[in-house]
Full PDB file with SEQRES, HELIX, SHEET, SSBOND, CRYST1, ORIGX, SCALE, CONECT and MASTER records, all heavy atoms in Angstrom:
SEQRES   1 A   32  ALA ALA GLY ALA LEU ALA ALA LEU ALA ALA GLU ARG LEU          
SEQRES   2 A   32  ALA ALA GLY GLN GLU LEU LEU GLU PRO LEU PRO LEU TYR          
SEQRES   3 A   32  LEU ARG ARG PRO ASP ALA                                      
HELIX    1 AA1 ALA A    2  ALA A   14  1                                  13    
CRYST1    1.000    1.000    1.000  90.00  90.00  90.00 P 1           1          
ORIGX1      1.000000  0.000000  0.000000        0.00000                         
ORIGX2      0.000000  1.000000  0.000000        0.00000                         
ORIGX3      0.000000  0.000000  1.000000        0.00000                         
SCALE1      1.000000  0.000000  0.000000        0.00000                         
SCALE2      0.000000  1.000000  0.000000        0.00000                         
SCALE3      0.000000  0.000000  1.000000        0.00000                         
ATOM      1  N   ALA A   1      10.809  -3.763  -2.678  1.00  0.00           N  
ATOM      2  CA  ALA A   1      11.487  -3.961  -1.404  1.00  0.00           C  
ATOM      3  C   ALA A   1      10.656  -3.302  -0.313  1.00  0.00           C  
ATOM      4  O   ALA A   1      10.190  -2.172  -0.470  1.00  0.00           O  
ATOM      5  CB  ALA A   1      12.890  -3.350  -1.433  1.00  0.00           C  
ATOM      6  N   ALA A   2      10.457  -4.021   0.795  1.00  0.00           N  
ATOM      7  CA  ALA A   2       9.630  -3.503   1.876  1.00  0.00           C  
ATOM      8  C   ALA A   2      10.191  -2.227   2.472  1.00  0.00           C  
ATOM      9  O   ALA A   2       9.448  -1.389   2.992  1.00  0.00           O  
ATOM     10  CB  ALA A   2       9.470  -4.561   2.966  1.00  0.00           C  
ATOM     11  N   GLY A   3      11.514  -2.042   2.403  1.00  0.00           N  
ATOM     12  CA  GLY A   3      12.111  -0.820   2.913  1.00  0.00           C  
ATOM     13  C   GLY A   3      11.583   0.411   2.192  1.00  0.00           C  
ATOM     14  O   GLY A   3      11.283   1.431   2.825  1.00  0.00           O  
ATOM     15  N   ALA A   4      11.464   0.335   0.872  1.00  0.00           N  
ATOM     16  CA  ALA A   4      10.925   1.450   0.098  1.00  0.00           C  
ATOM     17  C   ALA A   4       9.450   1.653   0.399  1.00  0.00           C  
ATOM     18  O   ALA A   4       8.962   2.783   0.503  1.00  0.00           O  
ATOM     19  CB  ALA A   4      11.133   1.200  -1.397  1.00  0.00           C  
ATOM     20  N   LEU A   5       8.719   0.550   0.542  1.00  0.00           N  
ATOM     21  CA  LEU A   5       7.298   0.619   0.872  1.00  0.00           C  
ATOM     22  C   LEU A   5       7.107   1.311   2.220  1.00  0.00           C  
ATOM     23  O   LEU A   5       6.244   2.185   2.374  1.00  0.00           O  
ATOM     24  CB  LEU A   5       6.725  -0.802   0.918  1.00  0.00           C  
ATOM     25  CG  LEU A   5       5.235  -0.994   0.657  1.00  0.00           C  
ATOM     26  CD1 LEU A   5       4.918  -0.749  -0.814  1.00  0.00           C  
ATOM     27  CD2 LEU A   5       4.815  -2.402   1.036  1.00  0.00           C  
ATOM     28  N   ALA A   6       7.921   0.942   3.200  1.00  0.00           N  
ATOM     29  CA  ALA A   6       7.816   1.527   4.540  1.00  0.00           C  
ATOM     30  C   ALA A   6       8.189   3.006   4.520  1.00  0.00           C  
ATOM     31  O   ALA A   6       7.530   3.831   5.172  1.00  0.00           O  
ATOM     32  CB  ALA A   6       8.721   0.768   5.512  1.00  0.00           C  
ATOM     33  N   ALA A   7       9.237   3.349   3.782  1.00  0.00           N  
ATOM     34  CA  ALA A   7       9.670   4.745   3.716  1.00  0.00           C  
ATOM     35  C   ALA A   7       8.606   5.618   3.074  1.00  0.00           C  
ATOM     36  O   ALA A   7       8.336   6.744   3.542  1.00  0.00           O  
ATOM     37  CB  ALA A   7      10.988   4.846   2.941  1.00  0.00           C  
ATOM     38  N   LEU A   8       7.972   5.125   2.013  1.00  0.00           N  
ATOM     39  CA  LEU A   8       6.910   5.876   1.357  1.00  0.00           C  
ATOM     40  C   LEU A   8       5.708   6.033   2.286  1.00  0.00           C  
ATOM     41  O   LEU A   8       5.117   7.119   2.381  1.00  0.00           O  
ATOM     42  CB  LEU A   8       6.498   5.182   0.058  1.00  0.00           C  
ATOM     43  CG  LEU A   8       5.337   5.818  -0.709  1.00  0.00           C  
ATOM     44  CD1 LEU A   8       5.652   7.259  -1.089  1.00  0.00           C  
ATOM     45  CD2 LEU A   8       5.015   4.986  -1.959  1.00  0.00           C  
ATOM     46  N   ALA A   9       5.353   4.959   2.985  1.00  0.00           N  
ATOM     47  CA  ALA A   9       4.235   5.026   3.922  1.00  0.00           C  
ATOM     48  C   ALA A   9       4.514   6.021   5.040  1.00  0.00           C  
ATOM     49  O   ALA A   9       3.648   6.831   5.407  1.00  0.00           O  
ATOM     50  CB  ALA A   9       3.960   3.645   4.502  1.00  0.00           C  
ATOM     51  N   ALA A  10       5.727   5.988   5.585  1.00  0.00           N  
ATOM     52  CA  ALA A  10       6.090   6.911   6.659  1.00  0.00           C  
ATOM     53  C   ALA A  10       6.018   8.357   6.185  1.00  0.00           C  
ATOM     54  O   ALA A  10       5.549   9.244   6.908  1.00  0.00           O  
ATOM     55  CB  ALA A  10       7.488   6.582   7.169  1.00  0.00           C  
ATOM     56  N   GLU A  11       6.454   8.580   4.957  1.00  0.00           N  
ATOM     57  CA  GLU A  11       6.434   9.931   4.389  1.00  0.00           C  
ATOM     58  C   GLU A  11       4.996  10.432   4.242  1.00  0.00           C  
ATOM     59  O   GLU A  11       4.676  11.577   4.593  1.00  0.00           O  
ATOM     60  CB  GLU A  11       7.140   9.906   3.033  1.00  0.00           C  
ATOM     61  CG  GLU A  11       7.289  11.256   2.373  1.00  0.00           C  
ATOM     62  CD  GLU A  11       8.056  11.153   1.063  1.00  0.00           C  
ATOM     63  OE1 GLU A  11       9.256  10.841   1.099  1.00  0.00           O  
ATOM     64  OE2 GLU A  11       7.447  11.386  -0.001  1.00  0.00           O  
ATOM     65  N   ARG A  12       4.125   9.570   3.723  1.00  0.00           N  
ATOM     66  CA  ARG A  12       2.737   9.968   3.514  1.00  0.00           C  
ATOM     67  C   ARG A  12       1.997  10.159   4.834  1.00  0.00           C  
ATOM     68  O   ARG A  12       1.207  11.097   4.987  1.00  0.00           O  
ATOM     69  CB  ARG A  12       2.024   8.926   2.648  1.00  0.00           C  
ATOM     70  CG  ARG A  12       2.490   8.949   1.192  1.00  0.00           C  
ATOM     71  CD  ARG A  12       1.774   7.927   0.330  1.00  0.00           C  
ATOM     72  NE  ARG A  12       2.161   8.066  -1.063  1.00  0.00           N  
ATOM     73  CZ  ARG A  12       1.741   7.259  -2.038  1.00  0.00           C  
ATOM     74  NH1 ARG A  12       0.925   6.241  -1.759  1.00  0.00           N  
ATOM     75  NH2 ARG A  12       2.133   7.465  -3.290  1.00  0.00           N  
ATOM     76  N   LEU A  13       2.247   9.287   5.788  1.00  0.00           N  
ATOM     77  CA  LEU A  13       1.597   9.425   7.096  1.00  0.00           C  
ATOM     78  C   LEU A  13       2.057  10.699   7.798  1.00  0.00           C  
ATOM     79  O   LEU A  13       1.255  11.404   8.423  1.00  0.00           O  
ATOM     80  CB  LEU A  13       1.890   8.199   7.959  1.00  0.00           C  
ATOM     81  CG  LEU A  13       1.201   6.906   7.532  1.00  0.00           C  
ATOM     82  CD1 LEU A  13       1.746   5.720   8.317  1.00  0.00           C  
ATOM     83  CD2 LEU A  13      -0.314   7.005   7.715  1.00  0.00           C  
ATOM     84  N   ALA A  14       3.336  11.023   7.707  1.00  0.00           N  
ATOM     85  CA  ALA A  14       3.858  12.239   8.327  1.00  0.00           C  
ATOM     86  C   ALA A  14       3.252  13.490   7.700  1.00  0.00           C  
ATOM     87  O   ALA A  14       3.108  14.525   8.371  1.00  0.00           O  
ATOM     88  CB  ALA A  14       5.380  12.277   8.200  1.00  0.00           C  
ATOM     89  N   ALA A  15       2.869  13.389   6.426  1.00  0.00           N  
ATOM     90  CA  ALA A  15       2.254  14.513   5.729  1.00  0.00           C  
ATOM     91  C   ALA A  15       0.744  14.562   5.950  1.00  0.00           C  
ATOM     92  O   ALA A  15       0.056  15.430   5.384  1.00  0.00           O  
ATOM     93  CB  ALA A  15       2.553  14.427   4.237  1.00  0.00           C  
ATOM     94  N   GLY A  16       0.223  13.623   6.747  1.00  0.00           N  
ATOM     95  CA  GLY A  16      -1.200  13.604   7.041  1.00  0.00           C  
ATOM     96  C   GLY A  16      -2.057  12.970   5.960  1.00  0.00           C  
ATOM     97  O   GLY A  16      -3.283  13.125   5.962  1.00  0.00           O  
ATOM     98  N   GLN A  17      -1.429  12.259   5.037  1.00  0.00           N  
ATOM     99  CA  GLN A  17      -2.189  11.611   3.965  1.00  0.00           C  
ATOM    100  C   GLN A  17      -2.756  10.281   4.441  1.00  0.00           C  
ATOM    101  O   GLN A  17      -2.148   9.585   5.240  1.00  0.00           O  
ATOM    102  CB  GLN A  17      -1.280  11.377   2.753  1.00  0.00           C  
ATOM    103  CG  GLN A  17      -0.709  12.645   2.156  1.00  0.00           C  
ATOM    104  CD  GLN A  17       0.217  12.361   0.988  1.00  0.00           C  
ATOM    105  OE1 GLN A  17       0.056  11.360   0.278  1.00  0.00           O  
ATOM    106  NE2 GLN A  17       1.196  13.215   0.778  1.00  0.00           N  
ATOM    107  N   GLU A  18      -3.912   9.936   3.920  1.00  0.00           N  
ATOM    108  CA  GLU A  18      -4.517   8.648   4.234  1.00  0.00           C  
ATOM    109  C   GLU A  18      -3.966   7.573   3.303  1.00  0.00           C  
ATOM    110  O   GLU A  18      -3.830   7.793   2.101  1.00  0.00           O  
ATOM    111  CB  GLU A  18      -6.038   8.713   4.100  1.00  0.00           C  
ATOM    112  CG  GLU A  18      -6.729   9.544   5.171  1.00  0.00           C  
ATOM    113  CD  GLU A  18      -8.234   9.384   5.121  1.00  0.00           C  
ATOM    114  OE1 GLU A  18      -8.711   8.491   4.389  1.00  0.00           O  
ATOM    115  OE2 GLU A  18      -8.919  10.149   5.811  1.00  0.00           O  
ATOM    116  N   LEU A  19      -3.661   6.414   3.867  1.00  0.00           N  
ATOM    117  CA  LEU A  19      -3.222   5.289   3.050  1.00  0.00           C  
ATOM    118  C   LEU A  19      -4.431   4.417   2.712  1.00  0.00           C  
ATOM    119  O   LEU A  19      -5.548   4.664   3.151  1.00  0.00           O  
ATOM    120  CB  LEU A  19      -2.152   4.489   3.794  1.00  0.00           C  
ATOM    121  CG  LEU A  19      -0.886   5.272   4.163  1.00  0.00           C  
ATOM    122  CD1 LEU A  19       0.163   4.331   4.745  1.00  0.00           C  
ATOM    123  CD2 LEU A  19      -0.319   6.009   2.965  1.00  0.00           C  
ATOM    124  N   LEU A  20      -4.190   3.379   1.920  1.00  0.00           N  
ATOM    125  CA  LEU A  20      -5.276   2.515   1.474  1.00  0.00           C  
ATOM    126  C   LEU A  20      -5.737   1.573   2.577  1.00  0.00           C  
ATOM    127  O   LEU A  20      -4.996   1.283   3.522  1.00  0.00           O  
ATOM    128  CB  LEU A  20      -4.815   1.684   0.270  1.00  0.00           C  
ATOM    129  CG  LEU A  20      -4.338   2.453  -0.964  1.00  0.00           C  
ATOM    130  CD1 LEU A  20      -3.794   1.465  -1.994  1.00  0.00           C  
ATOM    131  CD2 LEU A  20      -5.476   3.273  -1.555  1.00  0.00           C  
ATOM    132  N   GLU A  21      -6.953   1.092   2.427  1.00  0.00           N  
ATOM    133  CA  GLU A  21      -7.397  -0.012   3.272  1.00  0.00           C  
ATOM    134  C   GLU A  21      -6.583  -1.253   2.895  1.00  0.00           C  
ATOM    135  O   GLU A  21      -6.213  -1.430   1.725  1.00  0.00           O  
ATOM    136  CB  GLU A  21      -8.890  -0.287   3.060  1.00  0.00           C  
ATOM    137  CG  GLU A  21      -9.804   0.816   3.564  1.00  0.00           C  
ATOM    138  CD  GLU A  21      -9.752   0.923   5.075  1.00  0.00           C  
ATOM    139  OE1 GLU A  21      -9.703  -0.121   5.752  1.00  0.00           O  
ATOM    140  OE2 GLU A  21      -9.740   2.062   5.577  1.00  0.00           O  
ATOM    141  N   PRO A  22      -6.289  -2.135   3.852  1.00  0.00           N  
ATOM    142  CA  PRO A  22      -5.491  -3.332   3.536  1.00  0.00           C  
ATOM    143  C   PRO A  22      -6.333  -4.406   2.850  1.00  0.00           C  
ATOM    144  O   PRO A  22      -6.544  -5.497   3.366  1.00  0.00           O  
ATOM    145  CB  PRO A  22      -5.003  -3.784   4.920  1.00  0.00           C  
ATOM    146  CG  PRO A  22      -6.085  -3.341   5.852  1.00  0.00           C  
ATOM    147  CD  PRO A  22      -6.592  -2.029   5.309  1.00  0.00           C  
ATOM    148  N   LEU A  23      -6.793  -4.089   1.657  1.00  0.00           N  
ATOM    149  CA  LEU A  23      -7.639  -4.991   0.874  1.00  0.00           C  
ATOM    150  C   LEU A  23      -6.935  -5.319  -0.440  1.00  0.00           C  
ATOM    151  O   LEU A  23      -6.279  -4.460  -1.033  1.00  0.00           O  
ATOM    152  CB  LEU A  23      -8.994  -4.347   0.591  1.00  0.00           C  
ATOM    153  CG  LEU A  23      -9.817  -3.957   1.824  1.00  0.00           C  
ATOM    154  CD1 LEU A  23     -11.073  -3.195   1.410  1.00  0.00           C  
ATOM    155  CD2 LEU A  23     -10.192  -5.205   2.625  1.00  0.00           C  
ATOM    156  N   PRO A  24      -7.067  -6.544  -0.920  1.00  0.00           N  
ATOM    157  CA  PRO A  24      -6.306  -6.971  -2.101  1.00  0.00           C  
ATOM    158  C   PRO A  24      -6.750  -6.292  -3.388  1.00  0.00           C  
ATOM    159  O   PRO A  24      -7.935  -6.111  -3.642  1.00  0.00           O  
ATOM    160  CB  PRO A  24      -6.572  -8.484  -2.157  1.00  0.00           C  
ATOM    161  CG  PRO A  24      -7.896  -8.652  -1.471  1.00  0.00           C  
ATOM    162  CD  PRO A  24      -7.909  -7.628  -0.375  1.00  0.00           C  
ATOM    163  N   LEU A  25      -5.775  -5.918  -4.187  1.00  0.00           N  
ATOM    164  CA  LEU A  25      -6.022  -5.360  -5.508  1.00  0.00           C  
ATOM    165  C   LEU A  25      -5.672  -6.453  -6.521  1.00  0.00           C  
ATOM    166  O   LEU A  25      -4.517  -6.603  -6.919  1.00  0.00           O  
ATOM    167  CB  LEU A  25      -5.143  -4.119  -5.712  1.00  0.00           C  
ATOM    168  CG  LEU A  25      -5.334  -3.290  -6.979  1.00  0.00           C  
ATOM    169  CD1 LEU A  25      -6.755  -2.755  -7.072  1.00  0.00           C  
ATOM    170  CD2 LEU A  25      -4.334  -2.136  -7.004  1.00  0.00           C  
ATOM    171  N   TYR A  26      -6.685  -7.223  -6.908  1.00  0.00           N  
ATOM    172  CA  TYR A  26      -6.442  -8.384  -7.779  1.00  0.00           C  
ATOM    173  C   TYR A  26      -6.449  -8.014  -9.263  1.00  0.00           C  
ATOM    174  O   TYR A  26      -5.653  -8.502 -10.049  1.00  0.00           O  
ATOM    175  CB  TYR A  26      -7.501  -9.459  -7.547  1.00  0.00           C  
ATOM    176  CG  TYR A  26      -7.418 -10.143  -6.206  1.00  0.00           C  
ATOM    177  CD1 TYR A  26      -8.555 -10.298  -5.413  1.00  0.00           C  
ATOM    178  CD2 TYR A  26      -6.220 -10.656  -5.735  1.00  0.00           C  
ATOM    179  CE1 TYR A  26      -8.494 -10.941  -4.184  1.00  0.00           C  
ATOM    180  CE2 TYR A  26      -6.138 -11.290  -4.505  1.00  0.00           C  
ATOM    181  CZ  TYR A  26      -7.291 -11.432  -3.733  1.00  0.00           C  
ATOM    182  OH  TYR A  26      -7.228 -12.071  -2.515  1.00  0.00           O  
ATOM    183  N   LEU A  27      -7.386  -7.207  -9.700  1.00  0.00           N  
ATOM    184  CA  LEU A  27      -7.599  -6.772 -11.079  1.00  0.00           C  
ATOM    185  C   LEU A  27      -8.160  -7.857 -11.998  1.00  0.00           C  
ATOM    186  O   LEU A  27      -8.590  -7.563 -13.101  1.00  0.00           O  
ATOM    187  CB  LEU A  27      -6.317  -6.201 -11.704  1.00  0.00           C  
ATOM    188  CG  LEU A  27      -5.713  -4.971 -11.018  1.00  0.00           C  
ATOM    189  CD1 LEU A  27      -4.559  -4.423 -11.863  1.00  0.00           C  
ATOM    190  CD2 LEU A  27      -6.741  -3.895 -10.763  1.00  0.00           C  
ATOM    191  N   ARG A  28      -8.136  -9.101 -11.558  1.00  0.00           N  
ATOM    192  CA  ARG A  28      -8.743 -10.167 -12.362  1.00  0.00           C  
ATOM    193  C   ARG A  28      -9.030 -11.352 -11.466  1.00  0.00           C  
ATOM    194  O   ARG A  28      -8.645 -11.391 -10.309  1.00  0.00           O  
ATOM    195  CB  ARG A  28      -7.833 -10.572 -13.524  1.00  0.00           C  
ATOM    196  CG  ARG A  28      -6.574 -11.282 -13.086  1.00  0.00           C  
ATOM    197  CD  ARG A  28      -5.692 -11.634 -14.272  1.00  0.00           C  
ATOM    198  NE  ARG A  28      -4.553 -12.429 -13.839  1.00  0.00           N  
ATOM    199  CZ  ARG A  28      -3.420 -12.518 -14.511  1.00  0.00           C  
ATOM    200  NH1 ARG A  28      -3.270 -11.863 -15.647  1.00  0.00           N  
ATOM    201  NH2 ARG A  28      -2.436 -13.274 -14.055  1.00  0.00           N  
ATOM    202  N   ARG A  29      -9.723 -12.354 -12.021  1.00  0.00           N  
ATOM    203  CA  ARG A  29     -10.102 -13.531 -11.250  1.00  0.00           C  
ATOM    204  C   ARG A  29      -8.872 -14.396 -10.947  1.00  0.00           C  
ATOM    205  O   ARG A  29      -7.872 -14.329 -11.656  1.00  0.00           O  
ATOM    206  CB  ARG A  29     -11.136 -14.372 -12.017  1.00  0.00           C  
ATOM    207  CG  ARG A  29     -12.454 -13.635 -12.237  1.00  0.00           C  
ATOM    208  CD  ARG A  29     -13.421 -14.487 -13.034  1.00  0.00           C  
ATOM    209  NE  ARG A  29     -13.758 -15.704 -12.298  1.00  0.00           N  
ATOM    210  CZ  ARG A  29     -14.693 -15.758 -11.351  1.00  0.00           C  
ATOM    211  NH1 ARG A  29     -15.356 -14.670 -11.015  1.00  0.00           N  
ATOM    212  NH2 ARG A  29     -14.961 -16.888 -10.739  1.00  0.00           N  
ATOM    213  N   PRO A  30      -8.924 -15.205  -9.866  1.00  0.00           N  
ATOM    214  CA  PRO A  30      -7.777 -16.063  -9.539  1.00  0.00           C  
ATOM    215  C   PRO A  30      -7.480 -17.086 -10.625  1.00  0.00           C  
ATOM    216  O   PRO A  30      -8.352 -17.470 -11.401  1.00  0.00           O  
ATOM    217  CB  PRO A  30      -8.199 -16.754  -8.243  1.00  0.00           C  
ATOM    218  CG  PRO A  30      -9.613 -16.413  -8.001  1.00  0.00           C  
ATOM    219  CD  PRO A  30     -10.006 -15.316  -8.908  1.00  0.00           C  
ATOM    220  N   ASP A  31      -6.200 -17.516 -10.675  1.00  0.00           N  
ATOM    221  CA  ASP A  31      -5.803 -18.540 -11.653  1.00  0.00           C  
ATOM    222  C   ASP A  31      -6.521 -19.859 -11.401  1.00  0.00           C  
ATOM    223  O   ASP A  31      -6.890 -20.561 -12.329  1.00  0.00           O  
ATOM    224  CB  ASP A  31      -4.280 -18.768 -11.583  1.00  0.00           C  
ATOM    225  CG  ASP A  31      -3.502 -17.559 -12.078  1.00  0.00           C  
ATOM    226  OD1 ASP A  31      -4.051 -16.813 -12.916  1.00  0.00           O  
ATOM    227  OD2 ASP A  31      -2.370 -17.364 -11.629  1.00  0.00           O  
ATOM    228  N   ALA A  32      -6.674 -20.228 -10.128  1.00  0.00           N  
ATOM    229  CA  ALA A  32      -7.329 -21.489  -9.780  1.00  0.00           C  
ATOM    230  C   ALA A  32      -8.836 -21.285  -9.718  1.00  0.00           C  
ATOM    231  O   ALA A  32      -9.327 -20.441  -8.980  1.00  0.00           O  
ATOM    232  CB  ALA A  32      -6.821 -21.984  -8.431  1.00  0.00           C  
TER     233      ALA A  32                                                      
MASTER        0    0    0    1    0    0    0    6  232    1    0    3          
END                                                                             
C-alpha cells in the first residue's frame, strides 16, 4: 500500500537517511 511506503519514506527522510535512486529493481530479464 502506498500509504505504508510514504510513511516509511517520511520516517527515513526525517531521520536524515538517503533513499534509493528511482531505478528499477528487476532481478531478472523481462518476460517478453
